[in-house]
Amino acid sequence: MFISKNDDLIIKIELGGLLAEDLVVKVENKSLRIKGVRHDSEMSDSRQILVRDVPAGPFECVMEIPVGFDLSASNSAYLKGMLRTTVPPKARPSGTPWSPHRN
């Protein structure tokens, strides 16, 4: 999570091996909720798993968005295993310095 040069909050999450249809991104209150399911049919057919570096099955991640960003105007894109969510700053009166902690 970082603030870009144009003051957007950028959240990038690596989700290799997921299909877009196995991923749900929701805005809830002041949080971004990411849910998904990683399928690994090849591993489920195995007789014995020796090492599993990439977990399979359902997962969920909730990230609280800092004050000063407009989560209702956010947008997400999933490309090549990377989920990228952009959250713009809330509108502020002209001439007012920007601060991520301002309401």
N, C-alpha and C. Protein backbone atom coordinates (compact mmCIF):
# COMPACT_ATOMS: atom_id res chain seq x y z
N MET A 1 0.86 -1.16 0.00
CA MET A 1 0.00 0.00 0.00
C MET A 1 0.91 1.23 0.00
N PHE A 2 0.62 2.17 -0.93
CA PHE A 2 1.43 3.38 -0.98
C PHE A 2 0.59 4.52 -1.58
N ILE A 3 1.08 5.73 -1.42
CA ILE A 3 0.43 6.91 -2.00
C ILE A 3 1.22 7.31 -3.23
N SER A 4 0.53 7.41 -4.36
CA SER A 4 1.19 7.74 -5.61
C SER A 4 1.52 9.23 -5.67
N LYS A 5 2.23 9.62 -6.71
CA LYS A 5 2.61 11.03 -6.89
C LYS A 5 1.39 11.94 -7.07
N ASN A 6 0.27 11.38 -7.56
CA ASN A 6 -0.94 12.20 -7.71
C ASN A 6 -1.91 12.02 -6.54
N ASP A 7 -1.39 11.56 -5.41
CA ASP A 7 -2.10 11.44 -4.13
C ASP A 7 -3.13 10.32 -4.05
N ASP A 8 -3.18 9.42 -5.04
CA ASP A 8 -4.05 8.24 -4.93
C ASP A 8 -3.42 7.23 -3.98
N LEU A 9 -4.26 6.51 -3.26
CA LEU A 9 -3.80 5.37 -2.46
C LEU A 9 -3.81 4.17 -3.39
N ILE A 10 -2.69 3.48 -3.50
CA ILE A 10 -2.57 2.31 -4.36
C ILE A 10 -2.35 1.08 -3.49
N ILE A 11 -3.15 0.07 -3.71
CA ILE A 11 -3.02 -1.20 -2.98
C ILE A 11 -2.73 -2.27 -4.02
N LYS A 12 -1.59 -2.93 -3.90
CA LYS A 12 -1.23 -4.00 -4.84
C LYS A 12 -1.08 -5.29 -4.05
N ILE A 13 -1.74 -6.34 -4.54
CA ILE A 13 -1.69 -7.64 -3.88
C ILE A 13 -1.39 -8.70 -4.93
N GLU A 14 -0.36 -9.48 -4.70
CA GLU A 14 -0.02 -10.57 -5.61
C GLU A 14 -0.90 -11.77 -5.30
N LEU A 15 -1.60 -12.25 -6.32
CA LEU A 15 -2.53 -13.37 -6.16
C LEU A 15 -2.32 -14.37 -7.29
N GLY A 16 -1.10 -14.79 -7.48
CA GLY A 16 -0.77 -15.71 -8.56
C GLY A 16 -1.58 -16.99 -8.50
N GLY A 17 -1.97 -17.46 -9.67
CA GLY A 17 -2.70 -18.72 -9.76
C GLY A 17 -4.20 -18.58 -9.66
N LEU A 18 -4.71 -17.38 -9.38
CA LEU A 18 -6.15 -17.18 -9.29
C LEU A 18 -6.71 -16.73 -10.63
N LEU A 19 -7.93 -17.16 -10.91
CA LEU A 19 -8.66 -16.65 -12.05
C LEU A 19 -9.50 -15.47 -11.57
N ALA A 20 -9.76 -14.52 -12.44
CA ALA A 20 -10.55 -13.34 -12.05
C ALA A 20 -11.91 -13.74 -11.47
N GLU A 21 -12.52 -14.79 -12.01
CA GLU A 21 -13.84 -15.20 -11.53
C GLU A 21 -13.80 -15.84 -10.12
N ASP A 22 -12.61 -16.15 -9.62
CA ASP A 22 -12.46 -16.69 -8.27
C ASP A 22 -12.15 -15.62 -7.24
N LEU A 23 -12.28 -14.34 -7.63
CA LEU A 23 -11.89 -13.22 -6.80
C LEU A 23 -13.05 -12.25 -6.64
N VAL A 24 -13.28 -11.78 -5.39
CA VAL A 24 -14.33 -10.81 -5.10
C VAL A 24 -13.71 -9.67 -4.30
N VAL A 25 -13.92 -8.43 -4.76
CA VAL A 25 -13.43 -7.25 -4.06
C VAL A 25 -14.64 -6.43 -3.66
N LYS A 26 -14.79 -6.15 -2.36
CA LYS A 26 -15.94 -5.40 -1.85
C LYS A 26 -15.47 -4.22 -1.01
N VAL A 27 -16.24 -3.16 -1.07
CA VAL A 27 -16.03 -1.99 -0.22
C VAL A 27 -17.04 -2.10 0.91
N GLU A 28 -16.55 -2.09 2.15
CA GLU A 28 -17.43 -2.18 3.33
C GLU A 28 -16.98 -1.16 4.35
N ASN A 29 -17.85 -0.19 4.63
CA ASN A 29 -17.54 0.89 5.58
C ASN A 29 -16.23 1.57 5.19
N LYS A 30 -15.21 1.45 6.00
CA LYS A 30 -13.91 2.06 5.73
C LYS A 30 -12.87 1.03 5.34
N SER A 31 -13.34 -0.12 4.86
CA SER A 31 -12.42 -1.23 4.57
C SER A 31 -12.61 -1.77 3.16
N LEU A 32 -11.55 -2.37 2.67
CA LEU A 32 -11.56 -3.09 1.41
C LEU A 32 -11.46 -4.57 1.76
N ARG A 33 -12.46 -5.37 1.32
CA ARG A 33 -12.49 -6.80 1.63
C ARG A 33 -12.21 -7.57 0.34
N ILE A 34 -11.19 -8.43 0.41
CA ILE A 34 -10.79 -9.23 -0.74
C ILE A 34 -10.98 -10.70 -0.37
N LYS A 35 -11.81 -11.39 -1.16
CA LYS A 35 -12.08 -12.81 -0.92
C LYS A 35 -11.80 -13.58 -2.19
N GLY A 36 -11.38 -14.80 -2.03
CA GLY A 36 -11.14 -15.62 -3.19
C GLY A 36 -10.94 -17.07 -2.84
N VAL A 37 -10.79 -17.87 -3.88
CA VAL A 37 -10.52 -19.29 -3.72
C VAL A 37 -9.44 -19.67 -4.71
N ARG A 38 -8.37 -20.25 -4.20
CA ARG A 38 -7.30 -20.74 -5.07
C ARG A 38 -7.50 -22.24 -5.24
N HIS A 39 -7.75 -22.65 -6.48
CA HIS A 39 -7.95 -24.07 -6.78
C HIS A 39 -6.62 -24.68 -7.21
N ASP A 40 -6.38 -25.88 -6.77
CA ASP A 40 -5.17 -26.59 -7.19
C ASP A 40 -5.55 -28.06 -7.38
N SER A 41 -6.18 -28.36 -8.50
CA SER A 41 -6.66 -29.72 -8.75
C SER A 41 -5.52 -30.72 -8.84
N GLU A 42 -4.38 -30.28 -9.34
CA GLU A 42 -3.23 -31.19 -9.46
C GLU A 42 -2.77 -31.66 -8.08
N MET A 43 -2.71 -30.73 -7.11
CA MET A 43 -2.30 -31.10 -5.76
C MET A 43 -3.34 -31.99 -5.08
N SER A 44 -4.63 -31.73 -5.35
CA SER A 44 -5.66 -32.52 -4.70
C SER A 44 -5.66 -33.96 -5.20
N ASP A 45 -5.10 -34.20 -6.39
CA ASP A 45 -5.00 -35.55 -6.94
C ASP A 45 -3.73 -36.27 -6.48
N SER A 46 -2.90 -35.56 -5.70
CA SER A 46 -1.63 -36.17 -5.32
C SER A 46 -1.81 -37.20 -4.20
N ARG A 47 -0.90 -38.11 -4.14
CA ARG A 47 -0.92 -39.13 -3.10
C ARG A 47 -0.33 -38.58 -1.81
N GLN A 48 0.73 -37.78 -1.95
CA GLN A 48 1.40 -37.24 -0.77
C GLN A 48 1.98 -35.87 -1.13
N ILE A 49 1.68 -34.86 -0.31
CA ILE A 49 2.23 -33.52 -0.54
C ILE A 49 3.49 -33.40 0.30
N LEU A 50 4.61 -33.11 -0.34
CA LEU A 50 5.88 -32.98 0.35
C LEU A 50 6.12 -31.54 0.81
N VAL A 51 5.88 -30.58 -0.07
CA VAL A 51 6.04 -29.17 0.25
C VAL A 51 4.92 -28.42 -0.46
N ARG A 52 4.29 -27.49 0.22
CA ARG A 52 3.25 -26.66 -0.40
C ARG A 52 3.56 -25.21 -0.07
N ASP A 53 4.15 -24.52 -1.04
CA ASP A 53 4.55 -23.13 -0.84
C ASP A 53 3.39 -22.17 -1.10
N VAL A 54 2.48 -22.54 -2.00
CA VAL A 54 1.34 -21.70 -2.33
C VAL A 54 0.09 -22.36 -1.76
N PRO A 55 -0.57 -21.71 -0.80
CA PRO A 55 -1.76 -22.32 -0.19
C PRO A 55 -2.92 -22.40 -1.17
N ALA A 56 -3.76 -23.41 -1.00
CA ALA A 56 -4.96 -23.56 -1.81
C ALA A 56 -6.17 -23.43 -0.90
N GLY A 57 -7.32 -23.18 -1.52
CA GLY A 57 -8.56 -23.05 -0.77
C GLY A 57 -8.99 -21.61 -0.63
N PRO A 58 -10.02 -21.38 0.19
CA PRO A 58 -10.55 -20.03 0.34
C PRO A 58 -9.63 -19.15 1.19
N PHE A 59 -9.67 -17.86 0.93
CA PHE A 59 -8.92 -16.90 1.73
C PHE A 59 -9.70 -15.59 1.77
N GLU A 60 -9.36 -14.77 2.74
CA GLU A 60 -10.00 -13.46 2.89
C GLU A 60 -9.00 -12.50 3.52
N CYS A 61 -9.01 -11.27 3.02
CA CYS A 61 -8.13 -10.23 3.54
C CYS A 61 -8.96 -8.95 3.68
N VAL A 62 -8.87 -8.30 4.82
CA VAL A 62 -9.58 -7.04 5.04
C VAL A 62 -8.53 -5.97 5.34
N MET A 63 -8.59 -4.88 4.56
CA MET A 63 -7.64 -3.80 4.74
C MET A 63 -8.39 -2.52 5.08
N GLU A 64 -8.05 -1.92 6.21
CA GLU A 64 -8.68 -0.66 6.58
C GLU A 64 -8.01 0.46 5.78
N ILE A 65 -8.83 1.31 5.19
CA ILE A 65 -8.33 2.40 4.36
C ILE A 65 -8.13 3.63 5.24
N PRO A 66 -6.98 4.29 5.13
CA PRO A 66 -6.71 5.48 5.95
C PRO A 66 -7.73 6.59 5.71
N VAL A 67 -7.94 7.41 6.70
CA VAL A 67 -8.82 8.57 6.60
C VAL A 67 -8.27 9.49 5.51
N GLY A 68 -9.16 10.13 4.77
CA GLY A 68 -8.73 11.08 3.74
C GLY A 68 -8.84 10.53 2.34
N PHE A 69 -9.29 9.27 2.19
CA PHE A 69 -9.44 8.66 0.87
C PHE A 69 -10.89 8.30 0.63
N ASP A 70 -11.33 8.40 -0.62
CA ASP A 70 -12.71 8.17 -1.00
C ASP A 70 -12.88 6.74 -1.51
N LEU A 71 -13.15 5.82 -0.60
CA LEU A 71 -13.26 4.40 -0.94
C LEU A 71 -14.41 4.14 -1.89
N SER A 72 -15.46 4.96 -1.84
CA SER A 72 -16.60 4.76 -2.74
C SER A 72 -16.23 5.05 -4.20
N ALA A 73 -15.13 5.75 -4.44
CA ALA A 73 -14.68 6.07 -5.81
C ALA A 73 -13.51 5.18 -6.24
N SER A 74 -13.27 4.11 -5.50
CA SER A 74 -12.14 3.22 -5.81
C SER A 74 -12.43 2.35 -7.02
N ASN A 75 -11.36 1.86 -7.63
CA ASN A 75 -11.54 0.88 -8.70
C ASN A 75 -10.41 -0.14 -8.61
N SER A 76 -10.73 -1.36 -9.03
CA SER A 76 -9.77 -2.48 -8.96
C SER A 76 -9.63 -3.13 -10.33
N ALA A 77 -8.43 -3.63 -10.58
CA ALA A 77 -8.16 -4.37 -11.81
C ALA A 77 -7.26 -5.55 -11.45
N TYR A 78 -7.54 -6.70 -12.08
CA TYR A 78 -6.74 -7.91 -11.85
C TYR A 78 -6.11 -8.31 -13.16
N LEU A 79 -4.78 -8.30 -13.20
CA LEU A 79 -4.06 -8.62 -14.42
C LEU A 79 -2.78 -9.37 -14.09
N LYS A 80 -2.60 -10.51 -14.74
CA LYS A 80 -1.38 -11.31 -14.60
C LYS A 80 -1.03 -11.62 -13.14
N GLY A 81 -2.05 -11.97 -12.36
CA GLY A 81 -1.82 -12.37 -10.98
C GLY A 81 -1.65 -11.24 -10.00
N MET A 82 -1.88 -9.99 -10.41
CA MET A 82 -1.72 -8.84 -9.53
C MET A 82 -3.03 -8.08 -9.45
N LEU A 83 -3.55 -7.92 -8.22
CA LEU A 83 -4.74 -7.12 -7.99
C LEU A 83 -4.27 -5.72 -7.63
N ARG A 84 -4.75 -4.71 -8.37
CA ARG A 84 -4.36 -3.33 -8.13
C ARG A 84 -5.62 -2.51 -7.89
N THR A 85 -5.72 -1.91 -6.71
CA THR A 85 -6.86 -1.07 -6.35
C THR A 85 -6.37 0.36 -6.19
N THR A 86 -7.08 1.29 -6.80
CA THR A 86 -6.75 2.71 -6.71
C THR A 86 -7.86 3.40 -5.95
N VAL A 87 -7.50 4.15 -4.91
CA VAL A 87 -8.46 4.88 -4.09
C VAL A 87 -8.06 6.36 -4.13
N PRO A 88 -8.89 7.21 -4.74
CA PRO A 88 -8.53 8.63 -4.83
C PRO A 88 -8.69 9.34 -3.48
N PRO A 89 -8.00 10.46 -3.32
CA PRO A 89 -8.19 11.23 -2.08
C PRO A 89 -9.57 11.88 -2.10
N LYS A 90 -10.11 12.15 -0.90
CA LYS A 90 -11.38 12.87 -0.81
C LYS A 90 -11.17 14.28 -1.34
N ALA A 91 -12.23 14.85 -1.89
CA ALA A 91 -12.15 16.23 -2.38
C ALA A 91 -11.86 17.14 -1.20
N ARG A 92 -11.08 18.18 -1.47
CA ARG A 92 -10.75 19.14 -0.42
C ARG A 92 -10.94 20.54 -0.97
N PRO A 93 -11.18 21.49 -0.11
CA PRO A 93 -11.34 22.87 -0.58
C PRO A 93 -10.09 23.34 -1.31
N SER A 94 -10.28 24.13 -2.33
CA SER A 94 -9.17 24.64 -3.12
C SER A 94 -8.18 25.40 -2.23
N GLY A 95 -6.90 25.14 -2.45
CA GLY A 95 -5.85 25.81 -1.68
C GLY A 95 -5.52 25.15 -0.36
N THR A 96 -6.27 24.11 0.02
CA THR A 96 -6.01 23.40 1.27
C THR A 96 -4.95 22.34 1.04
N PRO A 97 -3.87 22.33 1.83
CA PRO A 97 -2.85 21.30 1.65
C PRO A 97 -3.43 19.91 1.92
N TRP A 98 -2.97 18.94 1.15
CA TRP A 98 -3.47 17.59 1.30
C TRP A 98 -2.80 16.89 2.47
N SER A 99 -3.57 16.13 3.20
CA SER A 99 -3.04 15.30 4.28
C SER A 99 -3.83 14.02 4.31
N PRO A 100 -3.16 12.84 4.37
CA PRO A 100 -3.91 11.58 4.40
C PRO A 100 -4.71 11.40 5.68
N HIS A 101 -4.50 12.24 6.69
CA HIS A 101 -5.19 12.09 7.97
C HIS A 101 -6.36 13.07 8.11
N ARG A 102 -6.61 13.86 7.07
CA ARG A 102 -7.68 14.85 7.12
C ARG A 102 -9.00 14.20 6.76
N ASN A 103 -10.07 14.54 7.45
CA ASN A 103 -11.41 14.01 7.14
C ASN A 103 -12.02 14.73 5.99
